Amino acid sequence: MRVLMVGDVVGRPGREALLALVPDLREEMDVDFVIADAENAAGGVGITPDIARQLLEHGGVDVITLGNHAWAKREVYPYLNDEARILRPANYPTGAPGRGVGAYSTAQGTVAVAVLQGRVFMDPVDCPFRCADAILEELQGVTPCIFVEFHAEATSEKQAFARYVDGRVSAIVGTHTHVQTADEQVLPQGSAFITDVGMTGPVDSVIGMKYSTVLPRFMTLLPNRFEVASGPAVLSGMLIDVDQATGRASSVKRLQVPFDAGRRGN
């Protein structure tokens, strides 16, 4: 089984890159299942039902994941409850809209996906380590192919979590910081891991935003509205090959695929 996990989709440039590239990548690379983080897809913060439907119906995406910006657009709350193919972090308190775990059928067998959010420099959520224990106990007997997105700020927390669940999941893919790390590996017990898979969005930017709107925040410490940058984009992701019988990863490969909407005439 080959799974493609796509890093945080930022604004229109990120959406255009995903819509243009993922369907072709699925065919060219013989991908069985695509998971994409789209928590920044609507204007750089959050997602709307229309955007989610577009990615699921036309972007070759099987499951959309979200992080701490899942709640930015209130109109998506009912959609989170109704659509099983969109997941928010599982370790938010009871009563939060949506779900954090799902199991999905593919031609190669059942795939489970879970999203967990870290706590270091993030909002106070339930313990992701203990929540992972509960999720993995729940998934026993469902499928050995389990893909976890760990949405967190601190690299140390991401690495600690990966070691904690190594051998119990097929892959742990870090998101949130938008900068792809170069530490992709198969851990000793058979789980694929990368600290951060990176961003799908505009290259000439500060993690997807116009630097002219970001610099004042750093220089004055005053609130400032960020704007999504424009221009050529990149799709960041990771290909993971998994033995569907055991759930163990056999190989990982980082991807950075350039996309220029202007050159394509879009």
Protein backbone atom coordinates (compact mmCIF):
# COMPACT_ATOMS: atom_id res chain seq x y z
CA MET A 1 0.00 0.00 0.00
CA ARG A 2 1.33 3.43 -0.93
CA VAL A 3 0.06 6.51 0.89
CA LEU A 4 0.76 10.16 0.11
CA MET A 5 0.54 12.63 2.99
CA VAL A 6 0.38 16.28 1.87
CA GLY A 7 1.54 19.13 4.07
CA ASP A 8 -0.51 22.13 5.18
CA VAL A 9 -2.41 23.62 2.22
CA VAL A 10 -2.21 27.43 2.43
CA GLY A 11 -4.77 29.64 0.70
CA ARG A 12 -5.60 29.73 -2.99
CA PRO A 13 -2.00 29.04 -4.14
CA GLY A 14 -1.92 25.88 -2.06
CA ARG A 15 -5.34 24.76 -3.24
CA GLU A 16 -4.43 25.34 -6.88
CA ALA A 17 -1.20 23.38 -6.48
CA LEU A 18 -2.99 20.46 -4.84
CA LEU A 19 -5.82 20.39 -7.37
CA ALA A 20 -3.39 20.48 -10.29
CA LEU A 21 -0.75 18.09 -8.98
CA VAL A 22 -2.28 15.42 -6.75
CA PRO A 23 -4.47 13.66 -9.35
CA ASP A 24 -1.42 13.26 -11.61
CA LEU A 25 0.82 12.20 -8.72
CA ARG A 26 -1.69 9.51 -7.77
CA GLU A 27 -1.45 8.01 -11.24
CA GLU A 28 2.28 8.52 -11.84
CA MET A 29 3.37 7.19 -8.44
CA ASP A 30 0.70 4.50 -8.08
CA VAL A 31 -0.70 6.04 -4.89
CA ASP A 32 -3.51 4.16 -3.15
CA PHE A 33 -4.57 6.77 -0.59
CA VAL A 34 -4.06 10.52 -0.09
CA ILE A 35 -4.24 12.43 3.20
CA ALA A 36 -3.96 16.22 3.07
CA ASP A 37 -3.81 18.77 5.88
CA ALA A 38 -6.01 21.69 4.78
CA GLU A 39 -6.41 23.68 7.99
CA ASN A 40 -5.03 26.81 6.26
CA ALA A 41 -6.87 26.37 2.96
CA ALA A 42 -9.40 29.22 3.38
CA GLY A 43 -7.54 32.51 3.19
CA GLY A 44 -4.65 31.09 5.19
CA VAL A 45 -6.66 30.17 8.30
CA GLY A 46 -9.32 27.46 8.55
CA ILE A 47 -11.42 25.68 5.95
CA THR A 48 -14.97 26.00 4.60
CA PRO A 49 -17.34 23.23 3.49
CA ASP A 50 -17.08 24.34 -0.15
CA ILE A 51 -13.28 24.17 -0.12
CA ALA A 52 -13.34 20.79 1.61
CA ARG A 53 -15.75 19.41 -1.01
CA GLN A 54 -13.57 20.76 -3.81
CA LEU A 55 -10.46 19.01 -2.46
CA LEU A 56 -12.30 15.73 -1.86
CA GLU A 57 -14.19 15.69 -5.17
CA HIS A 58 -11.61 17.17 -7.54
CA GLY A 59 -8.23 17.07 -5.80
CA GLY A 60 -7.66 13.36 -5.47
CA VAL A 61 -7.79 13.62 -1.68
CA ASP A 62 -9.29 10.77 0.36
CA VAL A 63 -9.09 12.35 3.82
CA ILE A 64 -8.66 15.97 4.93
CA THR A 65 -6.96 16.63 8.25
CA LEU A 66 -7.05 19.78 10.36
CA GLY A 67 -5.07 21.19 13.28
CA ASN A 68 -5.50 24.05 15.72
CA HIS A 69 -7.10 26.24 13.01
CA ALA A 70 -9.94 23.75 12.54
CA TRP A 71 -12.27 26.15 14.36
CA ALA A 72 -11.45 29.36 12.44
CA LYS A 73 -14.55 29.24 10.19
CA ARG A 74 -17.71 28.58 12.19
CA GLU A 75 -19.66 27.56 9.08
CA VAL A 76 -17.59 24.36 8.93
CA TYR A 77 -18.74 23.08 12.34
CA PRO A 78 -21.83 21.16 11.08
CA TYR A 79 -19.77 19.80 8.19
CA LEU A 80 -17.22 18.38 10.64
CA ASN A 81 -20.03 16.38 12.23
CA ASP A 82 -21.53 15.21 8.94
CA GLU A 83 -18.49 14.37 6.76
CA ALA A 84 -16.40 11.40 7.93
CA ARG A 85 -13.59 12.23 5.50
CA ILE A 86 -12.53 15.35 7.41
CA LEU A 87 -10.76 14.98 10.75
CA ARG A 88 -9.79 17.46 13.48
CA PRO A 89 -7.44 16.70 16.41
CA ALA A 90 -8.84 13.85 18.50
CA ASN A 91 -7.58 15.26 21.80
CA TYR A 92 -9.90 18.27 21.96
CA PRO A 93 -12.41 18.11 24.83
CA THR A 94 -15.67 16.23 24.50
CA GLY A 95 -18.25 18.40 22.76
CA ALA A 96 -15.98 19.82 20.08
CA PRO A 97 -17.47 19.37 16.59
CA GLY A 98 -16.30 16.52 14.42
CA ARG A 99 -14.11 13.49 14.97
CA GLY A 100 -10.40 12.81 15.21
CA VAL A 101 -10.21 9.21 13.97
CA GLY A 102 -11.58 7.42 10.92
CA ALA A 103 -11.27 4.08 9.13
CA TYR A 104 -11.56 4.01 5.34
CA SER A 105 -11.82 1.23 2.77
CA THR A 106 -9.38 1.05 -0.15
CA ALA A 107 -8.64 -1.50 -2.85
CA GLN A 108 -5.61 -2.55 -0.76
CA GLY A 109 -7.51 -2.87 2.52
CA THR A 110 -8.67 -0.66 5.38
CA VAL A 111 -6.69 2.45 6.33
CA ALA A 112 -7.14 4.24 9.67
CA VAL A 113 -6.23 7.91 10.09
CA ALA A 114 -5.93 9.83 13.34
CA VAL A 115 -5.01 13.44 14.12
CA LEU A 116 -3.50 14.53 17.41
CA GLN A 117 -2.34 17.96 18.53
CA GLY A 118 0.69 18.71 20.65
CA ARG A 119 0.67 20.80 23.81
CA VAL A 120 4.04 22.58 23.87
CA PHE A 121 3.48 26.25 22.86
CA MET A 122 -0.05 25.26 21.78
CA ASP A 123 -3.56 25.49 23.21
CA PRO A 124 -4.13 23.31 26.30
CA VAL A 125 -5.63 20.10 24.94
CA ASP A 126 -5.87 16.60 26.38
CA CYS A 127 -2.65 14.57 26.56
CA PRO A 128 -1.85 13.33 23.03
CA PHE A 129 0.18 10.40 24.36
CA ARG A 130 -2.65 8.99 26.47
CA CYS A 131 -5.18 9.80 23.77
CA ALA A 132 -3.06 7.82 21.31
CA ASP A 133 -3.14 4.83 23.67
CA ALA A 134 -6.94 4.94 23.72
CA ILE A 135 -7.19 5.32 19.94
CA LEU A 136 -4.82 2.44 19.24
CA GLU A 137 -6.70 0.19 21.64
CA GLU A 138 -9.93 1.11 19.81
CA LEU A 139 -8.37 0.29 16.43
CA GLN A 140 -7.12 -3.15 17.47
CA GLY A 141 -8.62 -5.65 15.09
CA VAL A 142 -9.77 -2.97 12.63
CA THR A 143 -6.55 -2.57 10.62
CA PRO A 144 -2.78 -2.61 11.14
CA CYS A 145 -2.41 0.31 8.68
CA ILE A 146 -2.70 3.38 10.90
CA PHE A 147 -1.50 6.85 9.87
CA VAL A 148 -1.17 9.54 12.52
CA GLU A 149 -0.78 13.24 11.88
CA PHE A 150 0.85 14.96 14.85
CA HIS A 151 0.10 18.68 14.67
CA ALA A 152 2.59 20.38 16.95
CA GLU A 153 5.00 23.27 17.36
CA ALA A 154 7.95 21.70 19.17
CA THR A 155 10.23 19.32 17.28
CA SER A 156 11.11 17.59 20.56
CA GLU A 157 7.45 16.81 21.26
CA LYS A 158 6.98 15.44 17.75
CA GLN A 159 10.03 13.21 18.06
CA ALA A 160 9.05 12.02 21.53
CA PHE A 161 5.55 11.15 20.35
CA ALA A 162 6.92 9.27 17.33
CA ARG A 163 9.13 7.13 19.56
CA TYR A 164 6.21 6.51 21.92
CA VAL A 165 3.99 4.99 19.21
CA ASP A 166 6.76 3.45 17.06
CA GLY A 167 5.73 -0.06 16.10
CA ARG A 168 2.07 0.57 16.87
CA VAL A 169 1.29 2.71 13.80
CA SER A 170 2.38 2.75 10.18
CA ALA A 171 3.43 6.39 10.13
CA ILE A 172 3.67 9.54 12.21
CA VAL A 173 3.76 12.70 10.10
CA GLY A 174 4.37 16.06 11.76
CA THR A 175 2.58 19.19 10.60
CA HIS A 176 1.99 22.81 11.69
CA THR A 177 5.36 24.56 11.25
CA HIS A 178 5.11 24.63 7.42
CA VAL A 179 8.86 24.03 6.97
CA GLN A 180 9.76 20.58 5.67
CA THR A 181 12.39 18.79 7.71
CA ALA A 182 15.02 16.43 6.27
CA ASP A 183 14.72 13.65 8.85
CA GLU A 184 12.37 11.23 7.10
CA GLN A 185 13.05 7.70 8.29
CA VAL A 186 11.61 4.34 9.24
CA LEU A 187 11.97 4.08 13.01
CA PRO A 188 13.41 0.91 14.63
CA GLN A 189 10.01 -0.71 15.27
CA GLY A 190 8.73 -0.09 11.73
CA SER A 191 6.87 3.26 11.81
CA ALA A 192 7.62 5.91 9.18
CA PHE A 193 8.32 9.37 10.58
CA ILE A 194 9.10 12.94 9.59
CA THR A 195 9.18 15.86 12.04
CA ASP A 196 7.34 18.14 9.62
CA VAL A 197 6.10 17.31 6.15
CA GLY A 198 6.09 20.99 5.12
CA MET A 199 3.66 23.32 3.36
CA THR A 200 1.72 23.28 0.13
CA GLY A 201 1.60 26.96 -0.71
CA PRO A 202 3.46 30.01 -2.07
CA VAL A 203 7.26 29.80 -2.04
CA ASP A 204 8.05 33.53 -1.81
CA SER A 205 6.53 33.92 1.63
CA VAL A 206 6.90 33.50 5.37
CA ILE A 207 5.27 30.09 5.90
CA GLY A 208 2.73 31.00 3.22
CA MET A 209 2.08 34.63 4.17
CA LYS A 210 3.25 37.90 2.56
CA TYR A 211 6.39 38.91 4.40
CA SER A 212 5.26 42.55 4.25
CA THR A 213 2.38 41.62 6.58
CA VAL A 214 4.51 39.42 8.84
CA LEU A 215 7.50 41.70 9.48
CA PRO A 216 5.54 44.37 11.45
CA ARG A 217 4.47 41.73 13.97
CA PHE A 218 8.08 40.84 14.70
CA MET A 219 9.35 44.42 14.69
CA THR A 220 6.60 46.11 16.70
CA LEU A 221 4.93 43.21 18.57
CA LEU A 222 1.60 44.76 17.59
CA PRO A 223 -1.27 42.72 16.10
CA ASN A 224 -1.30 42.69 12.33
CA ARG A 225 -3.50 40.91 9.81
CA PHE A 226 -1.55 38.39 7.74
CA GLU A 227 -2.26 37.93 4.03
CA VAL A 228 -1.59 34.86 1.90
CA ALA A 229 1.29 35.41 -0.51
CA SER A 230 1.03 34.90 -4.27
CA GLY A 231 3.28 33.54 -6.98
CA PRO A 232 4.74 30.10 -7.65
CA ALA A 233 3.90 27.42 -5.11
CA VAL A 234 5.26 24.08 -3.96
CA LEU A 235 3.48 20.91 -2.94
CA SER A 236 5.23 19.30 0.03
CA GLY A 237 4.48 15.73 1.00
CA MET A 238 5.75 12.30 1.89
CA LEU A 239 5.25 8.97 0.17
CA ILE A 240 5.00 6.01 2.51
CA ASP A 241 5.06 2.36 1.44
CA VAL A 242 3.42 0.02 3.93
CA ASP A 243 2.95 -3.74 4.15
CA GLN A 244 -0.84 -3.94 4.50
CA ALA A 245 -0.60 -7.28 6.30
CA THR A 246 1.64 -6.02 9.12
CA GLY A 247 1.21 -2.24 8.96
CA ARG A 248 4.99 -1.78 8.99
CA ALA A 249 6.48 0.87 6.74
CA SER A 250 9.08 -0.31 4.23
CA SER A 251 10.15 3.04 2.76
CA VAL A 252 9.58 6.79 2.92
CA LYS A 253 10.29 9.52 0.42
CA ARG A 254 10.01 13.29 0.82
CA LEU A 255 8.40 15.25 -2.00
CA GLN A 256 8.63 18.89 -3.02
CA VAL A 257 6.85 19.44 -6.34
CA PRO A 258 6.91 22.98 -7.81
CA PHE A 259 3.80 24.53 -9.32
CA ASP A 260 3.39 27.80 -11.19
CA ALA A 261 -0.26 28.58 -12.01
CA GLY A 262 0.78 31.45 -14.28
CA ARG A 263 2.92 29.28 -16.51
CA ARG A 264 0.12 26.73 -16.76
CA GLY A 265 -2.33 29.45 -17.74
CA ASN A 266 -4.63 28.86 -14.78
